[in-house]
């Protein structure tokens, strides 16, 4: 069973930056990503992710990676409809290249954040087995 003291000790051992708030550990990761481990329920431990501060998917808005993906998907759909409706072309440069760049940016950062979050979850689970 995963315990807060045991997890805290392992995080210190491997030099992770974290903060303890009562029954929660908040692990600070690179690029404004946080993992929150909630130990308040002794039967079930909750591990959540959060993007905070300035990050590459949501800007200054704090939200989970799942919500950030949904947020960017809705934004991409809105931009698609705007481009199709207005048939945007600027000085011979079709703005589809900017749109494809945006989509690529979102996909790369989403994959990056998801891989880091899942990797840390697996490490925490394997430490506490």
C-alpha atoms as a PDB file:
ATOM      1  CA  UNK A   1       0.000   0.000   0.000  1.00  0.00           C
ATOM      2  CA  UNK A   2       1.260   3.444  -0.934  1.00  0.00           C
ATOM      3  CA  UNK A   3       1.904   5.590   2.141  1.00  0.00           C
ATOM      4  CA  UNK A   4       2.499   9.318   2.230  1.00  0.00           C
ATOM      5  CA  UNK A   5       5.646   9.044   4.377  1.00  0.00           C
ATOM      6  CA  UNK A   6       7.129   6.301   2.194  1.00  0.00           C
ATOM      7  CA  UNK A   7       6.366   8.239  -0.986  1.00  0.00           C
ATOM      8  CA  UNK A   8       7.804  11.409   0.533  1.00  0.00           C
ATOM      9  CA  UNK A   9      10.994   9.588   1.473  1.00  0.00           C
ATOM     10  CA  UNK A  10      11.413   8.184  -2.047  1.00  0.00           C
ATOM     11  CA  UNK A  11      10.764  11.578  -3.643  1.00  0.00           C
ATOM     12  CA  UNK A  12      13.464  13.120  -1.423  1.00  0.00           C
ATOM     13  CA  UNK A  13      15.832  10.280  -2.240  1.00  0.00           C
ATOM     14  CA  UNK A  14      15.532  10.883  -5.974  1.00  0.00           C
ATOM     15  CA  UNK A  15      15.537  14.690  -5.587  1.00  0.00           C
ATOM     16  CA  UNK A  16      12.038  15.428  -6.843  1.00  0.00           C
ATOM     17  CA  UNK A  17      10.703  18.848  -5.923  1.00  0.00           C
ATOM     18  CA  UNK A  18       7.477  18.492  -3.991  1.00  0.00           C
ATOM     19  CA  UNK A  19       5.295  20.107  -1.378  1.00  0.00           C
ATOM     20  CA  UNK A  20       3.145  18.452   1.281  1.00  0.00           C
ATOM     21  CA  UNK A  21      -0.273  19.876   2.128  1.00  0.00           C
ATOM     22  CA  UNK A  22      -1.971  17.777   4.842  1.00  0.00           C
ATOM     23  CA  UNK A  23      -2.827  14.523   3.019  1.00  0.00           C
ATOM     24  CA  UNK A  24      -1.559  15.592  -0.408  1.00  0.00           C
ATOM     25  CA  UNK A  25       1.814  15.588  -2.100  1.00  0.00           C
ATOM     26  CA  UNK A  26       2.235  18.070  -4.950  1.00  0.00           C
ATOM     27  CA  UNK A  27       5.156  17.113  -7.174  1.00  0.00           C
ATOM     28  CA  UNK A  28       6.587  19.984  -9.211  1.00  0.00           C
ATOM     29  CA  UNK A  29       7.724  18.914 -12.659  1.00  0.00           C
ATOM     30  CA  UNK A  30       9.298  20.819 -15.537  1.00  0.00           C
ATOM     31  CA  UNK A  31       7.331  23.114 -17.856  1.00  0.00           C
ATOM     32  CA  UNK A  32       4.675  24.045 -15.260  1.00  0.00           C
ATOM     33  CA  UNK A  33       3.357  20.531 -14.767  1.00  0.00           C
ATOM     34  CA  UNK A  34       2.236  19.233 -11.366  1.00  0.00           C
ATOM     35  CA  UNK A  35       1.259  15.778 -10.159  1.00  0.00           C
ATOM     36  CA  UNK A  36      -1.017  15.705  -7.123  1.00  0.00           C
ATOM     37  CA  UNK A  37      -1.205  12.555  -4.993  1.00  0.00           C
ATOM     38  CA  UNK A  38      -4.181  12.557  -2.622  1.00  0.00           C
ATOM     39  CA  UNK A  39      -3.822  10.210   0.373  1.00  0.00           C
ATOM     40  CA  UNK A  40      -7.003  11.365   2.192  1.00  0.00           C
ATOM     41  CA  UNK A  41      -8.866   8.105   1.467  1.00  0.00           C
ATOM     42  CA  UNK A  42      -7.018   5.120   2.952  1.00  0.00           C
ATOM     43  CA  UNK A  43      -8.719   2.705   0.531  1.00  0.00           C
ATOM     44  CA  UNK A  44      -8.016   4.597  -2.665  1.00  0.00           C
ATOM     45  CA  UNK A  45      -5.162   6.932  -3.614  1.00  0.00           C
ATOM     46  CA  UNK A  46      -5.880   9.528  -6.281  1.00  0.00           C
ATOM     47  CA  UNK A  47      -3.158  10.716  -8.655  1.00  0.00           C
ATOM     48  CA  UNK A  48      -4.070  13.803 -10.684  1.00  0.00           C
ATOM     49  CA  UNK A  49      -2.161  15.999 -13.095  1.00  0.00           C
ATOM     50  CA  UNK A  50      -2.360  19.751 -13.549  1.00  0.00           C
ATOM     51  CA  UNK A  51      -0.828  22.348 -15.834  1.00  0.00           C
ATOM     52  CA  UNK A  52      -0.200  25.601 -13.956  1.00  0.00           C
ATOM     53  CA  UNK A  53       1.316  29.010 -14.577  1.00  0.00           C
ATOM     54  CA  UNK A  54       2.645  29.540 -18.040  1.00  0.00           C
ATOM     55  CA  UNK A  55       2.607  26.283 -20.029  1.00  0.00           C
ATOM     56  CA  UNK A  56       2.684  25.416 -23.704  1.00  0.00           C
ATOM     57  CA  UNK A  57      -0.880  24.100 -24.010  1.00  0.00           C
ATOM     58  CA  UNK A  58      -3.127  26.463 -22.059  1.00  0.00           C
ATOM     59  CA  UNK A  59      -1.089  29.594 -21.510  1.00  0.00           C
ATOM     60  CA  UNK A  60      -1.964  30.980 -18.080  1.00  0.00           C
ATOM     61  CA  UNK A  61      -5.099  28.893 -17.519  1.00  0.00           C
ATOM     62  CA  UNK A  62      -4.725  26.107 -14.936  1.00  0.00           C
ATOM     63  CA  UNK A  63      -6.266  22.767 -15.923  1.00  0.00           C
ATOM     64  CA  UNK A  64      -5.604  19.060 -16.262  1.00  0.00           C
ATOM     65  CA  UNK A  65      -3.952  17.611 -19.367  1.00  0.00           C
ATOM     66  CA  UNK A  66      -7.257  16.005 -20.345  1.00  0.00           C
ATOM     67  CA  UNK A  67      -9.074  19.348 -20.183  1.00  0.00           C
ATOM     68  CA  UNK A  68      -6.210  21.071 -22.009  1.00  0.00           C
ATOM     69  CA  UNK A  69      -6.541  18.563 -24.847  1.00  0.00           C
ATOM     70  CA  UNK A  70     -10.284  19.217 -25.052  1.00  0.00           C
ATOM     71  CA  UNK A  71      -9.707  22.992 -24.848  1.00  0.00           C
ATOM     72  CA  UNK A  72      -7.216  22.898 -27.746  1.00  0.00           C
ATOM     73  CA  UNK A  73      -9.413  20.547 -29.808  1.00  0.00           C
ATOM     74  CA  UNK A  74     -12.354  22.946 -29.532  1.00  0.00           C
ATOM     75  CA  UNK A  75     -10.026  25.826 -30.438  1.00  0.00           C
ATOM     76  CA  UNK A  76      -8.781  23.929 -33.495  1.00  0.00           C
ATOM     77  CA  UNK A  77     -12.358  23.233 -34.628  1.00  0.00           C
ATOM     78  CA  UNK A  78     -13.275  26.904 -34.187  1.00  0.00           C
ATOM     79  CA  UNK A  79     -10.221  28.033 -36.184  1.00  0.00           C
ATOM     80  CA  UNK A  80     -11.036  25.472 -38.891  1.00  0.00           C
ATOM     81  CA  UNK A  81     -14.567  26.816 -39.282  1.00  0.00           C
ATOM     82  CA  UNK A  82     -13.244  30.383 -39.272  1.00  0.00           C
ATOM     83  CA  UNK A  83     -10.711  29.590 -42.014  1.00  0.00           C
ATOM     84  CA  UNK A  84     -13.288  27.762 -44.124  1.00  0.00           C
ATOM     85  CA  UNK A  85     -15.941  30.447 -43.647  1.00  0.00           C
ATOM     86  CA  UNK A  86     -13.665  33.383 -44.406  1.00  0.00           C
ATOM     87  CA  UNK A  87     -11.540  31.506 -46.977  1.00  0.00           C
ATOM     88  CA  UNK A  88      -8.505  33.244 -45.534  1.00  0.00           C
ATOM     89  CA  UNK A  89      -5.566  33.926 -47.755  1.00  0.00           C
ATOM     90  CA  UNK A  90      -2.998  36.577 -46.981  1.00  0.00           C
ATOM     91  CA  UNK A  91      -0.642  37.906 -49.699  1.00  0.00           C
ATOM     92  CA  UNK A  92      -0.612  34.587 -51.492  1.00  0.00           C
ATOM     93  CA  UNK A  93       0.319  32.657 -48.356  1.00  0.00           C
ATOM     94  CA  UNK A  94      -2.384  30.242 -47.423  1.00  0.00           C
ATOM     95  CA  UNK A  95      -2.931  30.317 -43.658  1.00  0.00           C
ATOM     96  CA  UNK A  96      -3.352  26.553 -43.612  1.00  0.00           C
ATOM     97  CA  UNK A  97       0.382  26.307 -42.841  1.00  0.00           C
ATOM     98  CA  UNK A  98      -0.128  28.292 -39.638  1.00  0.00           C
ATOM     99  CA  UNK A  99      -3.054  26.059 -38.766  1.00  0.00           C
ATOM    100  CA  UNK A 100      -1.007  22.898 -39.363  1.00  0.00           C
ATOM    101  CA  UNK A 101       1.783  24.392 -37.252  1.00  0.00           C
ATOM    102  CA  UNK A 102      -0.706  25.012 -34.440  1.00  0.00           C
ATOM    103  CA  UNK A 103      -2.017  21.441 -34.638  1.00  0.00           C
ATOM    104  CA  UNK A 104       1.526  20.037 -34.628  1.00  0.00           C
ATOM    105  CA  UNK A 105       2.467  22.223 -31.637  1.00  0.00           C
ATOM    106  CA  UNK A 106      -0.566  21.065 -29.646  1.00  0.00           C
ATOM    107  CA  UNK A 107      -0.037  17.382 -30.468  1.00  0.00           C
ATOM    108  CA  UNK A 108       3.660  17.427 -29.568  1.00  0.00           C
ATOM    109  CA  UNK A 109       3.151  19.189 -26.224  1.00  0.00           C
ATOM    110  CA  UNK A 110       0.137  17.029 -25.346  1.00  0.00           C
ATOM    111  CA  UNK A 111       2.148  13.871 -25.969  1.00  0.00           C
ATOM    112  CA  UNK A 112       5.082  15.307 -23.998  1.00  0.00           C
ATOM    113  CA  UNK A 113       2.947  16.145 -20.944  1.00  0.00           C
ATOM    114  CA  UNK A 114       1.050  12.838 -21.089  1.00  0.00           C
ATOM    115  CA  UNK A 115       4.231  10.764 -21.303  1.00  0.00           C
ATOM    116  CA  UNK A 116       5.784  12.597 -18.340  1.00  0.00           C
ATOM    117  CA  UNK A 117       2.623  12.210 -16.244  1.00  0.00           C
ATOM    118  CA  UNK A 118       2.156   8.518 -17.001  1.00  0.00           C
ATOM    119  CA  UNK A 119       5.854   7.807 -16.443  1.00  0.00           C
ATOM    120  CA  UNK A 120       5.760   9.397 -12.986  1.00  0.00           C
ATOM    121  CA  UNK A 121       2.549   7.507 -12.127  1.00  0.00           C
ATOM    122  CA  UNK A 122       4.189   4.205 -13.045  1.00  0.00           C
ATOM    123  CA  UNK A 123       7.321   5.072 -11.032  1.00  0.00           C
ATOM    124  CA  UNK A 124       5.221   5.942  -7.959  1.00  0.00           C
ATOM    125  CA  UNK A 125       3.201   2.748  -8.253  1.00  0.00           C
ATOM    126  CA  UNK A 126       6.289   0.568  -8.701  1.00  0.00           C
ATOM    127  CA  UNK A 127       8.007   2.186  -5.680  1.00  0.00           C
ATOM    128  CA  UNK A 128       5.075   1.418  -3.441  1.00  0.00           C
ATOM    129  CA  UNK A 129       4.301  -2.161  -4.405  1.00  0.00           C
END
